Amino acid sequence: MLTEYDLTKEGSILPMLDDFDEEEIREYCWKVLHTYPDLKKEDWIIGIEGGDFIYSFERNYIFITDDIWSFNLFAKQPVLILLAEKIKALK
């Protein structure tokens, strides 16, 4: 799934938001992503406790892993910076 969207070597947003706890990152991340009118779920694998998702917006792809224990978002560096700045502005 990651290979298809050229996300195999991309970084995580978590280190950019080290003053947030994981639940805050999850909450604010979804708030920010839902501000993009063209947000689209491209691909997903769902399990009992959550899943892995590829989303797109403004011709950018992101990989989100979201389950009952953890949350993480992976993307190319410019996209991570954009999203981290918007998340920080919400807090």
Protein backbone atom coordinates (compact mmCIF):
# COMPACT_ATOMS: atom_id res chain seq x y z
CA MET A 1 0.00 0.00 0.00
CA LEU A 2 2.77 2.49 0.89
CA THR A 3 4.75 1.68 -2.25
CA GLU A 4 1.78 2.45 -4.49
CA TYR A 5 1.56 5.99 -3.05
CA ASP A 6 5.33 6.59 -2.78
CA LEU A 7 5.25 6.76 1.02
CA THR A 8 7.70 3.99 1.95
CA LYS A 9 10.46 6.28 3.22
CA GLU A 10 8.47 9.15 4.65
CA GLY A 11 8.70 10.52 8.16
CA SER A 12 6.30 10.70 11.06
CA ILE A 13 4.54 13.80 12.36
CA LEU A 14 5.01 12.72 16.00
CA PRO A 15 8.54 14.17 16.51
CA MET A 16 7.31 17.53 15.18
CA LEU A 17 4.63 17.64 17.86
CA ASP A 18 6.59 16.48 20.88
CA ASP A 19 4.74 18.89 23.18
CA PHE A 20 1.44 17.12 22.38
CA ASP A 21 0.30 13.78 23.71
CA GLU A 22 -0.78 11.17 21.20
CA GLU A 23 -4.51 11.65 21.83
CA GLU A 24 -4.17 15.40 21.18
CA ILE A 25 -2.29 14.69 17.96
CA ARG A 26 -5.07 12.35 16.83
CA GLU A 27 -7.79 14.88 17.65
CA TYR A 28 -6.10 17.92 16.11
CA CYS A 29 -4.88 16.01 13.09
CA TRP A 30 -8.38 14.95 12.13
CA LYS A 31 -9.66 18.50 12.70
CA VAL A 32 -7.01 19.89 10.36
CA LEU A 33 -7.48 17.22 7.72
CA HIS A 34 -11.23 17.77 7.62
CA THR A 35 -10.66 21.43 6.67
CA TYR A 36 -9.54 20.23 3.23
CA PRO A 37 -12.62 19.95 1.01
CA ASP A 38 -10.88 17.48 -1.31
CA LEU A 39 -9.81 15.09 1.49
CA LYS A 40 -10.31 11.59 0.12
CA LYS A 41 -9.73 8.14 1.56
CA GLU A 42 -7.74 6.39 -1.16
CA ASP A 43 -6.98 3.00 0.38
CA TRP A 44 -7.36 1.25 3.70
CA ILE A 45 -6.89 -1.92 5.68
CA ILE A 46 -9.26 -2.26 8.62
CA GLY A 47 -8.71 -4.49 11.63
CA ILE A 48 -10.70 -5.10 14.79
CA GLU A 49 -8.90 -2.36 16.75
CA GLY A 50 -8.44 0.21 13.96
CA GLY A 51 -6.70 0.41 10.65
CA ASP A 52 -4.19 1.83 8.21
CA PHE A 53 -5.34 4.45 5.74
CA ILE A 54 -4.04 6.39 2.78
CA TYR A 55 -5.67 9.79 2.37
CA SER A 56 -5.10 12.47 -0.23
CA PHE A 57 -5.66 16.21 -0.29
CA GLU A 58 -4.33 18.90 -2.61
CA ARG A 59 -2.41 16.22 -4.58
CA ASN A 60 -0.59 15.06 -1.42
CA TYR A 61 -0.75 11.59 0.06
CA ILE A 62 -0.57 10.73 3.74
CA PHE A 63 -0.48 7.42 5.56
CA ILE A 64 -2.36 7.21 8.85
CA THR A 65 -2.26 4.35 11.27
CA ASP A 66 -5.02 4.71 13.83
CA ASP A 67 -6.06 2.07 16.32
CA ILE A 68 -7.18 1.88 19.94
CA TRP A 69 -3.55 2.00 21.17
CA SER A 70 -1.81 4.47 18.90
CA PHE A 71 -2.00 7.06 16.15
CA ASN A 72 0.61 8.15 13.64
CA LEU A 73 0.72 10.06 10.37
CA PHE A 74 3.45 9.69 7.74
CA ALA A 75 3.99 11.98 4.76
CA LYS A 76 6.62 13.81 2.76
CA GLN A 77 8.47 16.46 4.77
CA PRO A 78 6.70 19.54 3.28
CA VAL A 79 3.31 18.00 4.06
CA LEU A 80 4.38 17.15 7.60
CA ILE A 81 5.52 20.73 8.15
CA LEU A 82 2.25 22.11 6.79
CA LEU A 83 0.11 19.87 8.97
CA ALA A 84 2.25 20.34 12.10
CA GLU A 85 2.02 24.12 11.77
CA LYS A 86 -1.76 23.96 11.43
CA ILE A 87 -2.05 21.60 14.39
CA LYS A 88 0.12 23.88 16.56
CA ALA A 89 -2.06 26.85 15.60
CA LEU A 90 -5.15 25.04 16.93
CA LYS A 91 -3.73 24.44 20.39
